N, C-alpha and C. Protein backbone atom coordinates (compact mmCIF):
# COMPACT_ATOMS: atom_id res chain seq x y z
N UNK A 1 22.78 10.23 -43.82
CA UNK A 1 22.26 11.11 -42.81
C UNK A 1 23.48 11.58 -41.93
N UNK A 2 23.66 12.91 -41.82
CA UNK A 2 24.78 13.39 -40.98
C UNK A 2 24.66 12.85 -39.56
N UNK A 3 25.80 12.73 -38.90
CA UNK A 3 25.90 12.13 -37.58
C UNK A 3 25.01 12.88 -36.57
N UNK A 4 24.92 14.21 -36.63
CA UNK A 4 24.11 14.95 -35.70
C UNK A 4 22.63 14.58 -35.92
N UNK A 5 22.19 14.38 -37.13
CA UNK A 5 20.79 13.98 -37.37
C UNK A 5 20.56 12.58 -36.83
N UNK A 6 21.50 11.69 -37.07
CA UNK A 6 21.35 10.32 -36.53
C UNK A 6 21.25 10.33 -35.02
N UNK A 7 22.09 11.13 -34.37
CA UNK A 7 22.06 11.25 -32.93
C UNK A 7 20.70 11.76 -32.44
N UNK A 8 20.16 12.82 -33.12
CA UNK A 8 18.88 13.37 -32.76
C UNK A 8 17.79 12.36 -32.97
N UNK A 9 17.85 11.60 -34.05
CA UNK A 9 16.85 10.56 -34.32
C UNK A 9 16.87 9.48 -33.27
N UNK A 10 18.09 9.10 -32.80
CA UNK A 10 18.21 8.10 -31.73
C UNK A 10 17.63 8.63 -30.43
N UNK A 11 17.87 9.90 -30.10
CA UNK A 11 17.33 10.48 -28.89
C UNK A 11 15.79 10.50 -28.96
N UNK A 12 15.24 10.89 -30.09
CA UNK A 12 13.76 10.92 -30.24
C UNK A 12 13.18 9.53 -30.12
N UNK A 13 13.85 8.54 -30.69
CA UNK A 13 13.37 7.16 -30.62
C UNK A 13 13.39 6.66 -29.18
N UNK A 14 14.49 6.96 -28.46
CA UNK A 14 14.63 6.53 -27.08
C UNK A 14 13.56 7.18 -26.23
N UNK A 15 13.30 8.49 -26.45
CA UNK A 15 12.29 9.17 -25.71
C UNK A 15 10.90 8.58 -25.96
N UNK A 16 10.67 8.17 -27.17
CA UNK A 16 9.39 7.51 -27.51
C UNK A 16 9.20 6.21 -26.78
N UNK A 17 10.27 5.44 -26.69
CA UNK A 17 10.20 4.16 -25.93
C UNK A 17 9.90 4.41 -24.45
N UNK A 18 10.61 5.41 -23.86
CA UNK A 18 10.39 5.72 -22.46
C UNK A 18 8.95 6.19 -22.23
N UNK A 19 8.46 7.06 -23.10
CA UNK A 19 7.06 7.54 -22.98
C UNK A 19 6.05 6.43 -23.12
N UNK A 20 6.31 5.53 -24.07
CA UNK A 20 5.35 4.46 -24.24
C UNK A 20 5.33 3.52 -23.07
N UNK A 21 6.45 3.27 -22.37
CA UNK A 21 6.51 2.43 -21.17
C UNK A 21 5.77 3.19 -20.03
N UNK A 22 6.01 4.49 -19.93
CA UNK A 22 5.39 5.25 -18.83
C UNK A 22 3.92 5.39 -18.98
N UNK A 23 3.43 5.30 -20.23
CA UNK A 23 2.00 5.53 -20.46
C UNK A 23 1.21 4.21 -20.50
N UNK A 24 1.79 3.12 -20.10
CA UNK A 24 1.03 1.86 -20.07
C UNK A 24 -0.11 2.02 -19.05
N UNK A 25 -1.25 1.46 -19.41
CA UNK A 25 -2.43 1.60 -18.59
C UNK A 25 -2.72 0.32 -17.85
N UNK A 26 -3.59 0.42 -16.81
CA UNK A 26 -3.97 -0.80 -16.10
C UNK A 26 -4.61 -1.85 -17.00
N UNK A 27 -5.19 -1.41 -18.15
CA UNK A 27 -5.80 -2.38 -19.10
C UNK A 27 -4.72 -3.29 -19.72
N UNK A 28 -3.47 -2.83 -19.64
CA UNK A 28 -2.36 -3.63 -20.21
C UNK A 28 -1.79 -4.66 -19.19
N UNK A 29 -2.45 -4.78 -18.03
CA UNK A 29 -1.94 -5.65 -16.99
C UNK A 29 -2.02 -7.14 -17.42
N UNK A 30 -0.98 -7.87 -17.03
CA UNK A 30 -1.04 -9.29 -17.29
C UNK A 30 -2.11 -9.94 -16.38
N UNK A 31 -2.49 -11.16 -16.73
CA UNK A 31 -3.44 -11.87 -15.88
C UNK A 31 -2.93 -11.99 -14.45
N UNK A 32 -3.84 -11.85 -13.51
CA UNK A 32 -3.45 -12.03 -12.08
C UNK A 32 -2.92 -13.42 -11.85
N UNK A 33 -1.84 -13.51 -11.04
CA UNK A 33 -1.22 -14.80 -10.72
C UNK A 33 -1.31 -15.17 -9.26
N UNK A 34 -1.58 -14.18 -8.39
CA UNK A 34 -1.50 -14.44 -6.96
C UNK A 34 -2.92 -14.22 -6.35
N UNK A 35 -3.50 -15.28 -5.76
CA UNK A 35 -4.82 -15.14 -5.17
C UNK A 35 -4.76 -14.28 -3.89
N UNK A 36 -5.83 -13.49 -3.71
CA UNK A 36 -5.99 -12.70 -2.49
C UNK A 36 -6.37 -13.62 -1.33
N UNK A 37 -5.66 -13.41 -0.21
CA UNK A 37 -5.99 -14.17 1.02
C UNK A 37 -6.13 -13.23 2.19
N UNK A 38 -6.84 -13.66 3.21
CA UNK A 38 -7.02 -12.89 4.43
C UNK A 38 -5.91 -13.34 5.40
N UNK A 39 -5.24 -12.40 6.00
CA UNK A 39 -4.20 -12.68 7.00
C UNK A 39 -4.59 -11.88 8.25
N UNK A 40 -4.13 -12.37 9.40
CA UNK A 40 -4.29 -11.66 10.68
C UNK A 40 -2.94 -11.22 11.16
N UNK A 41 -2.84 -9.90 11.51
CA UNK A 41 -1.58 -9.32 11.90
C UNK A 41 -1.71 -8.55 13.20
N UNK A 42 -0.62 -8.59 14.00
CA UNK A 42 -0.53 -7.81 15.24
C UNK A 42 0.65 -6.88 15.11
N UNK A 43 0.43 -5.61 15.34
CA UNK A 43 1.50 -4.60 15.35
C UNK A 43 1.55 -3.97 16.74
N UNK A 44 2.73 -3.51 17.11
CA UNK A 44 2.97 -2.85 18.38
C UNK A 44 3.11 -1.32 18.13
N UNK A 45 2.71 -0.53 19.09
CA UNK A 45 2.82 0.89 18.95
C UNK A 45 4.30 1.30 18.75
N UNK A 46 4.49 2.35 18.01
CA UNK A 46 5.85 2.90 17.78
C UNK A 46 6.48 3.37 19.09
N UNK A 47 5.66 3.92 19.99
CA UNK A 47 6.18 4.43 21.23
C UNK A 47 5.66 3.57 22.38
N UNK A 48 6.48 3.45 23.42
CA UNK A 48 6.03 2.71 24.61
C UNK A 48 6.10 1.19 24.52
N UNK A 49 6.78 0.68 23.50
CA UNK A 49 6.96 -0.75 23.36
C UNK A 49 8.42 -1.05 23.15
N UNK A 50 8.90 -2.23 23.41
CA UNK A 50 10.33 -2.53 23.27
C UNK A 50 10.81 -2.37 21.86
N UNK A 51 12.05 -1.96 21.67
CA UNK A 51 12.70 -1.90 20.37
C UNK A 51 12.72 -3.37 19.90
N UNK A 52 12.48 -3.60 18.61
CA UNK A 52 12.52 -4.95 18.09
C UNK A 52 11.11 -5.55 17.98
N UNK A 53 10.08 -4.76 18.29
CA UNK A 53 8.73 -5.28 18.03
C UNK A 53 8.22 -4.64 16.75
N UNK A 54 7.46 -5.35 15.96
CA UNK A 54 7.01 -4.83 14.64
C UNK A 54 5.94 -3.78 14.84
N UNK A 55 6.13 -2.61 14.20
CA UNK A 55 5.21 -1.49 14.33
C UNK A 55 4.65 -1.02 13.02
N UNK A 56 5.09 -1.56 11.88
CA UNK A 56 4.67 -1.06 10.61
C UNK A 56 4.35 -2.22 9.65
N UNK A 57 3.81 -1.87 8.48
CA UNK A 57 3.38 -2.86 7.52
C UNK A 57 3.64 -2.33 6.10
N UNK A 58 4.23 -3.19 5.28
CA UNK A 58 4.46 -2.88 3.85
C UNK A 58 3.49 -3.72 3.01
N UNK A 59 2.69 -3.06 2.16
CA UNK A 59 1.79 -3.81 1.29
C UNK A 59 2.52 -4.62 0.25
N UNK A 60 3.62 -4.05 -0.25
CA UNK A 60 4.41 -4.77 -1.29
C UNK A 60 5.16 -5.88 -0.53
N UNK A 61 4.83 -7.09 -0.81
CA UNK A 61 5.43 -8.23 -0.12
C UNK A 61 4.36 -9.27 0.21
N UNK A 62 3.35 -8.99 0.96
CA UNK A 62 3.26 -7.97 2.01
C UNK A 62 4.07 -8.46 3.18
N UNK A 63 4.43 -7.50 4.06
CA UNK A 63 5.24 -7.91 5.20
C UNK A 63 5.12 -6.95 6.40
N UNK A 64 5.26 -7.54 7.58
CA UNK A 64 5.31 -6.82 8.81
C UNK A 64 6.72 -6.22 8.88
N UNK A 65 6.84 -4.93 9.30
CA UNK A 65 8.10 -4.25 9.30
C UNK A 65 8.53 -3.87 10.70
N UNK A 66 9.77 -4.18 10.99
CA UNK A 66 10.44 -3.76 12.25
C UNK A 66 11.10 -2.42 11.95
N UNK A 67 10.56 -1.35 12.49
CA UNK A 67 11.05 -0.01 12.11
C UNK A 67 12.45 0.28 12.60
N UNK A 68 12.98 -0.51 13.54
CA UNK A 68 14.38 -0.34 13.95
C UNK A 68 15.31 -0.97 12.93
N UNK A 69 14.76 -1.76 11.98
CA UNK A 69 15.60 -2.40 10.98
C UNK A 69 15.40 -1.89 9.59
N UNK A 70 14.22 -1.30 9.33
CA UNK A 70 13.86 -0.92 8.01
C UNK A 70 12.95 0.34 8.03
N UNK A 71 13.07 1.18 7.05
CA UNK A 71 12.24 2.38 6.99
C UNK A 71 11.28 2.37 5.81
N UNK A 72 11.26 1.33 5.07
CA UNK A 72 10.35 1.27 3.93
C UNK A 72 9.07 0.52 4.33
N UNK A 73 8.00 1.26 4.45
CA UNK A 73 6.68 0.70 4.83
C UNK A 73 5.60 1.63 4.33
N UNK A 74 4.35 1.13 4.36
CA UNK A 74 3.24 1.93 3.92
C UNK A 74 2.46 2.60 5.10
N UNK A 75 2.40 1.93 6.23
CA UNK A 75 1.79 2.53 7.39
C UNK A 75 2.37 1.92 8.66
N UNK A 76 2.28 2.68 9.75
CA UNK A 76 2.74 2.24 11.07
C UNK A 76 1.56 2.44 12.05
N UNK A 77 1.72 1.85 13.22
CA UNK A 77 0.66 1.98 14.25
C UNK A 77 1.28 2.69 15.47
N UNK A 78 0.47 3.51 16.14
CA UNK A 78 0.91 4.17 17.36
C UNK A 78 -0.33 4.44 18.23
N UNK A 79 -0.07 4.63 19.51
CA UNK A 79 -1.04 5.10 20.48
C UNK A 79 -0.50 6.33 21.14
N UNK A 80 -1.17 7.42 20.99
CA UNK A 80 -0.79 8.62 21.72
C UNK A 80 -2.03 8.99 22.51
N UNK A 81 -2.74 10.02 22.16
CA UNK A 81 -4.00 10.29 22.84
C UNK A 81 -5.09 9.37 22.35
N UNK A 82 -4.82 8.75 21.20
CA UNK A 82 -5.76 7.77 20.57
C UNK A 82 -4.94 6.80 19.74
N UNK A 83 -5.57 5.72 19.33
CA UNK A 83 -4.95 4.70 18.45
C UNK A 83 -5.00 5.25 17.00
N UNK A 84 -3.86 5.20 16.32
CA UNK A 84 -3.81 5.73 14.95
C UNK A 84 -2.96 4.83 14.04
N UNK A 85 -3.32 4.87 12.79
CA UNK A 85 -2.44 4.33 11.72
C UNK A 85 -1.80 5.57 11.06
N UNK A 86 -0.50 5.47 10.85
CA UNK A 86 0.27 6.57 10.30
C UNK A 86 0.80 6.20 8.91
N UNK A 87 0.27 6.82 7.83
CA UNK A 87 0.86 6.56 6.55
C UNK A 87 2.31 7.04 6.52
N UNK A 88 3.13 6.43 5.73
CA UNK A 88 4.55 6.76 5.72
C UNK A 88 4.84 8.23 5.42
N UNK A 89 3.91 8.91 4.76
CA UNK A 89 4.11 10.31 4.46
C UNK A 89 4.14 11.23 5.66
N UNK A 90 3.76 10.80 6.86
CA UNK A 90 3.81 11.68 8.03
C UNK A 90 5.23 11.70 8.59
N UNK A 91 6.09 10.81 8.15
CA UNK A 91 7.46 10.70 8.64
C UNK A 91 8.38 11.46 7.67
N UNK A 92 9.17 12.42 8.15
CA UNK A 92 10.09 13.16 7.27
C UNK A 92 11.03 12.22 6.56
N UNK A 93 11.17 12.46 5.25
CA UNK A 93 12.12 11.72 4.47
C UNK A 93 11.55 10.36 3.87
N UNK A 94 10.36 9.96 4.28
CA UNK A 94 9.81 8.72 3.74
C UNK A 94 8.86 9.03 2.56
N UNK A 95 8.62 8.02 1.74
CA UNK A 95 7.77 8.21 0.53
C UNK A 95 6.41 8.67 0.92
N UNK A 96 5.83 9.50 0.03
CA UNK A 96 4.59 10.19 0.33
C UNK A 96 3.33 9.61 -0.36
N UNK A 97 3.50 8.65 -1.26
CA UNK A 97 2.35 8.29 -2.09
C UNK A 97 1.53 7.08 -1.59
N UNK A 98 1.95 6.46 -0.49
CA UNK A 98 1.06 5.43 0.07
C UNK A 98 -0.04 6.21 0.83
N UNK A 99 -1.18 5.57 1.06
CA UNK A 99 -2.24 6.25 1.73
C UNK A 99 -3.27 5.36 2.34
N UNK A 100 -4.12 6.00 3.16
CA UNK A 100 -5.18 5.32 3.92
C UNK A 100 -6.44 6.12 3.77
N UNK A 101 -7.60 5.40 3.94
CA UNK A 101 -8.88 6.09 4.09
C UNK A 101 -9.83 5.15 4.75
N UNK A 102 -10.71 5.73 5.58
CA UNK A 102 -11.73 4.91 6.21
C UNK A 102 -12.74 4.50 5.17
N UNK A 103 -13.25 3.26 5.33
CA UNK A 103 -14.24 2.72 4.41
C UNK A 103 -15.61 2.86 5.07
N UNK A 104 -16.60 3.01 4.23
CA UNK A 104 -17.98 3.16 4.72
C UNK A 104 -18.82 1.88 4.48
N UNK A 105 -18.20 0.82 3.99
CA UNK A 105 -18.89 -0.44 3.68
C UNK A 105 -19.46 -1.00 4.96
N UNK A 106 -20.53 -1.78 4.85
CA UNK A 106 -21.14 -2.38 6.05
C UNK A 106 -20.31 -3.46 6.70
N UNK A 107 -19.37 -4.05 5.98
CA UNK A 107 -18.56 -5.11 6.54
C UNK A 107 -17.25 -5.27 5.76
N UNK A 108 -16.31 -5.98 6.37
CA UNK A 108 -15.04 -6.27 5.73
C UNK A 108 -15.29 -7.04 4.43
N UNK A 109 -16.16 -8.04 4.45
CA UNK A 109 -16.45 -8.85 3.27
C UNK A 109 -17.09 -8.01 2.14
N UNK A 110 -17.79 -6.98 2.50
CA UNK A 110 -18.46 -6.10 1.50
C UNK A 110 -17.51 -5.22 0.73
N UNK A 111 -16.28 -5.07 1.22
CA UNK A 111 -15.28 -4.31 0.52
C UNK A 111 -14.64 -5.21 -0.53
N UNK A 112 -15.13 -5.15 -1.76
CA UNK A 112 -14.60 -6.04 -2.80
C UNK A 112 -13.77 -5.38 -3.87
N UNK A 113 -13.75 -4.03 -3.89
CA UNK A 113 -12.92 -3.35 -4.85
C UNK A 113 -12.42 -2.05 -4.29
N UNK A 114 -11.13 -1.77 -4.51
CA UNK A 114 -10.54 -0.56 -3.98
C UNK A 114 -10.78 0.59 -4.87
N UNK A 115 -11.06 1.78 -4.33
CA UNK A 115 -11.11 2.98 -5.14
C UNK A 115 -9.68 3.41 -5.49
N UNK A 116 -9.52 4.18 -6.53
CA UNK A 116 -8.15 4.63 -6.89
C UNK A 116 -7.83 5.98 -6.30
N UNK A 117 -8.82 6.67 -5.76
CA UNK A 117 -8.58 8.03 -5.17
C UNK A 117 -9.13 8.13 -3.79
N UNK A 118 -8.87 9.24 -3.16
CA UNK A 118 -9.35 9.54 -1.78
C UNK A 118 -8.46 9.11 -0.67
N UNK A 119 -7.21 8.63 -0.99
CA UNK A 119 -6.29 8.20 0.06
C UNK A 119 -5.55 9.38 0.61
N UNK A 120 -5.32 9.36 1.93
CA UNK A 120 -4.61 10.42 2.63
C UNK A 120 -3.24 9.87 3.01
N UNK A 121 -2.20 10.54 2.64
CA UNK A 121 -0.84 10.03 2.92
C UNK A 121 -0.04 10.87 3.81
N UNK A 122 -0.62 11.93 4.42
CA UNK A 122 0.18 12.84 5.23
C UNK A 122 -0.44 13.17 6.60
N UNK A 123 -1.45 12.39 7.03
CA UNK A 123 -2.07 12.62 8.32
C UNK A 123 -2.42 11.28 8.95
N UNK A 124 -2.35 11.26 10.30
CA UNK A 124 -2.73 10.04 11.04
C UNK A 124 -4.23 9.76 10.78
N UNK A 125 -4.58 8.47 10.87
CA UNK A 125 -5.96 8.06 10.73
C UNK A 125 -6.35 7.37 12.06
N UNK A 126 -7.29 7.98 12.78
CA UNK A 126 -7.74 7.44 14.05
C UNK A 126 -8.51 6.14 13.80
N UNK A 127 -8.24 5.13 14.64
CA UNK A 127 -8.93 3.85 14.48
C UNK A 127 -9.44 3.38 15.84
N UNK A 128 -10.41 2.49 15.76
CA UNK A 128 -10.98 1.78 16.93
C UNK A 128 -11.35 0.42 16.49
N UNK A 129 -11.75 -0.41 17.44
CA UNK A 129 -12.19 -1.76 17.07
C UNK A 129 -13.37 -1.66 16.13
N UNK A 130 -13.30 -2.38 15.05
CA UNK A 130 -14.36 -2.39 14.03
C UNK A 130 -14.09 -1.46 12.86
N UNK A 131 -13.08 -0.59 12.98
CA UNK A 131 -12.75 0.33 11.85
C UNK A 131 -12.37 -0.45 10.62
N UNK A 132 -12.83 -0.02 9.47
CA UNK A 132 -12.47 -0.57 8.17
C UNK A 132 -11.63 0.44 7.44
N UNK A 133 -10.49 0.03 6.94
CA UNK A 133 -9.60 0.96 6.30
C UNK A 133 -9.19 0.43 4.93
N UNK A 134 -9.20 1.32 3.91
CA UNK A 134 -8.71 1.00 2.59
C UNK A 134 -7.23 1.47 2.54
N UNK A 135 -6.41 0.72 1.81
CA UNK A 135 -4.99 0.95 1.80
C UNK A 135 -4.46 1.09 0.37
N UNK A 136 -3.47 2.00 0.18
CA UNK A 136 -2.77 2.09 -1.09
C UNK A 136 -1.28 2.07 -0.81
N UNK A 137 -0.52 1.28 -1.55
CA UNK A 137 0.90 1.19 -1.35
C UNK A 137 1.63 2.34 -2.09
N UNK A 138 2.91 2.41 -1.84
CA UNK A 138 3.80 3.25 -2.64
C UNK A 138 3.73 2.69 -4.06
N UNK A 139 4.05 3.55 -5.03
CA UNK A 139 4.03 3.05 -6.41
C UNK A 139 5.26 2.14 -6.64
N UNK A 140 5.07 1.22 -7.58
CA UNK A 140 6.16 0.32 -7.95
C UNK A 140 6.09 0.16 -9.44
N UNK A 141 7.17 -0.29 -10.03
CA UNK A 141 7.22 -0.59 -11.45
C UNK A 141 6.68 -2.01 -11.63
N UNK A 142 5.57 -2.14 -12.39
CA UNK A 142 4.92 -3.39 -12.62
C UNK A 142 5.59 -4.16 -13.77
N UNK A 143 5.28 -5.47 -13.91
CA UNK A 143 5.89 -6.24 -15.01
C UNK A 143 5.58 -5.66 -16.39
N UNK A 144 4.49 -4.90 -16.55
CA UNK A 144 4.15 -4.32 -17.84
C UNK A 144 4.83 -2.95 -18.06
N UNK A 145 5.65 -2.52 -17.07
CA UNK A 145 6.35 -1.25 -17.15
C UNK A 145 5.66 -0.05 -16.61
N UNK A 146 4.38 -0.24 -16.16
CA UNK A 146 3.62 0.91 -15.58
C UNK A 146 4.02 1.08 -14.13
N UNK A 147 3.89 2.34 -13.68
CA UNK A 147 4.10 2.64 -12.26
C UNK A 147 2.74 2.65 -11.57
N UNK A 148 2.45 1.67 -10.74
CA UNK A 148 1.14 1.51 -10.13
C UNK A 148 1.32 1.13 -8.65
N UNK A 149 0.21 1.21 -7.92
CA UNK A 149 0.22 0.84 -6.49
C UNK A 149 -0.48 -0.51 -6.33
N UNK A 150 -0.25 -1.10 -5.16
CA UNK A 150 -1.05 -2.22 -4.70
C UNK A 150 -2.16 -1.66 -3.80
N UNK A 151 -3.26 -2.36 -3.68
CA UNK A 151 -4.41 -1.93 -2.85
C UNK A 151 -4.77 -3.02 -1.88
N UNK A 152 -5.36 -2.61 -0.78
CA UNK A 152 -5.74 -3.56 0.25
C UNK A 152 -6.81 -3.00 1.14
N UNK A 153 -7.20 -3.85 2.11
CA UNK A 153 -8.19 -3.41 3.09
C UNK A 153 -7.82 -4.07 4.44
N UNK A 154 -8.20 -3.39 5.53
CA UNK A 154 -7.98 -4.01 6.84
C UNK A 154 -9.19 -3.73 7.72
N UNK A 155 -9.39 -4.57 8.70
CA UNK A 155 -10.46 -4.50 9.67
C UNK A 155 -9.86 -4.64 11.04
N UNK A 156 -9.99 -3.60 11.88
CA UNK A 156 -9.39 -3.63 13.25
C UNK A 156 -10.20 -4.60 14.09
N UNK A 157 -9.54 -5.64 14.58
CA UNK A 157 -10.20 -6.67 15.41
C UNK A 157 -10.03 -6.37 16.91
N UNK A 158 -8.87 -5.86 17.31
CA UNK A 158 -8.64 -5.61 18.73
C UNK A 158 -7.58 -4.54 18.90
N UNK A 159 -7.73 -3.72 19.95
CA UNK A 159 -6.71 -2.81 20.39
C UNK A 159 -6.48 -3.04 21.86
N UNK A 160 -5.27 -3.39 22.25
CA UNK A 160 -4.94 -3.61 23.67
C UNK A 160 -4.12 -2.45 24.15
N UNK A 161 -4.71 -1.55 24.90
CA UNK A 161 -4.03 -0.34 25.38
C UNK A 161 -2.87 -0.67 26.30
N UNK A 162 -3.03 -1.70 27.14
CA UNK A 162 -1.93 -2.01 28.11
C UNK A 162 -0.73 -2.68 27.39
N UNK A 163 -0.99 -3.51 26.43
CA UNK A 163 0.10 -4.13 25.63
C UNK A 163 0.55 -3.24 24.48
N UNK A 164 -0.26 -2.22 24.21
CA UNK A 164 0.00 -1.25 23.14
C UNK A 164 0.03 -1.94 21.81
N UNK A 165 -0.94 -2.76 21.49
CA UNK A 165 -0.98 -3.48 20.25
C UNK A 165 -2.31 -3.29 19.50
N UNK A 166 -2.29 -3.54 18.22
CA UNK A 166 -3.48 -3.59 17.41
C UNK A 166 -3.44 -4.93 16.64
N UNK A 167 -4.59 -5.56 16.52
CA UNK A 167 -4.72 -6.76 15.74
C UNK A 167 -5.77 -6.49 14.65
N UNK A 168 -5.43 -6.89 13.42
CA UNK A 168 -6.36 -6.63 12.31
C UNK A 168 -6.29 -7.77 11.33
N UNK A 169 -7.39 -7.92 10.57
CA UNK A 169 -7.37 -8.80 9.42
C UNK A 169 -7.11 -7.92 8.22
N UNK A 170 -6.42 -8.49 7.24
CA UNK A 170 -5.98 -7.70 6.11
C UNK A 170 -5.94 -8.52 4.83
N UNK A 171 -6.34 -7.89 3.73
CA UNK A 171 -6.21 -8.47 2.40
C UNK A 171 -5.42 -7.45 1.57
N UNK A 172 -4.37 -7.87 0.88
CA UNK A 172 -3.63 -7.03 -0.04
C UNK A 172 -3.54 -7.77 -1.37
N UNK A 173 -4.05 -7.04 -2.40
CA UNK A 173 -3.97 -7.67 -3.76
C UNK A 173 -2.52 -7.46 -4.26
N UNK A 174 -1.79 -8.55 -4.36
CA UNK A 174 -0.39 -8.53 -4.75
C UNK A 174 -0.19 -8.47 -6.25
N UNK A 175 -1.26 -8.41 -6.99
CA UNK A 175 -1.20 -8.33 -8.45
C UNK A 175 -1.18 -6.87 -8.84
N UNK A 176 -0.06 -6.43 -9.34
CA UNK A 176 0.21 -5.02 -9.60
C UNK A 176 -0.92 -4.37 -10.42
N UNK A 177 -1.46 -3.30 -9.86
CA UNK A 177 -2.47 -2.53 -10.51
C UNK A 177 -3.90 -3.04 -10.41
N UNK A 178 -4.13 -4.22 -9.87
CA UNK A 178 -5.46 -4.76 -9.69
C UNK A 178 -6.11 -4.11 -8.52
N UNK A 179 -7.42 -3.99 -8.54
CA UNK A 179 -8.21 -3.31 -7.47
C UNK A 179 -9.08 -4.27 -6.67
N UNK A 180 -8.98 -5.57 -6.94
CA UNK A 180 -9.86 -6.50 -6.24
C UNK A 180 -9.46 -6.70 -4.76
N UNK A 181 -10.41 -6.70 -3.88
CA UNK A 181 -10.19 -6.93 -2.48
C UNK A 181 -10.87 -8.16 -1.99
N UNK A 182 -11.48 -8.91 -2.89
CA UNK A 182 -12.21 -10.15 -2.52
C UNK A 182 -11.19 -11.25 -2.46
N UNK A 183 -11.38 -12.28 -1.59
CA UNK A 183 -10.52 -13.46 -1.60
C UNK A 183 -10.57 -14.17 -2.91
N UNK A 184 -9.51 -14.81 -3.31
CA UNK A 184 -9.43 -15.56 -4.57
C UNK A 184 -8.60 -14.82 -5.60
N UNK A 185 -8.56 -15.40 -6.81
CA UNK A 185 -7.76 -14.81 -7.89
C UNK A 185 -8.48 -13.61 -8.47
N UNK A 186 -7.90 -12.44 -8.44
CA UNK A 186 -8.53 -11.22 -8.93
C UNK A 186 -8.77 -11.26 -10.44
N UNK A 187 -9.85 -10.59 -10.84
CA UNK A 187 -10.17 -10.45 -12.30
C UNK A 187 -10.21 -9.00 -12.70
N UNK A 188 -10.10 -8.12 -11.72
CA UNK A 188 -10.16 -6.66 -12.01
C UNK A 188 -9.04 -5.88 -11.34
């Protein structure tokens, strides 16, 4: 085989490998290894609070984010004319594919599976005590090679206007590509 043909064959083979990795589906996910747990988090408003207070949250990890130290997060909290969660897409230069949406379930416990669509990543989401929010992280490369998001839910427990804080309970499924929001080891 002439060298030009060998080179072309190698390029085609490499492209096939890249495409097969990119086309992996959620059905190819490995068994879940990390149980879902409920955590309680307090965030401070981006404005009107001291520098060095946590104002954002990253689902991948999951972790509370100090925006003076890091700019990679999925949503932040602020109080302007109202209390809002801000997906990272509202900030110039930050990733646009994380998102939020209000849930219509009757309770936090009733939210057992995340939808894959309907998330808004470029507008603030107004919240109040009792608000239920569905969450989608930025995409990440999963162990199976697929680019997928993590999903979660939060329930606003308290908003303190004078301290400029929000407290919420949150569950984030850390198993790449899984949609389960129920406590325990996910199966879906």
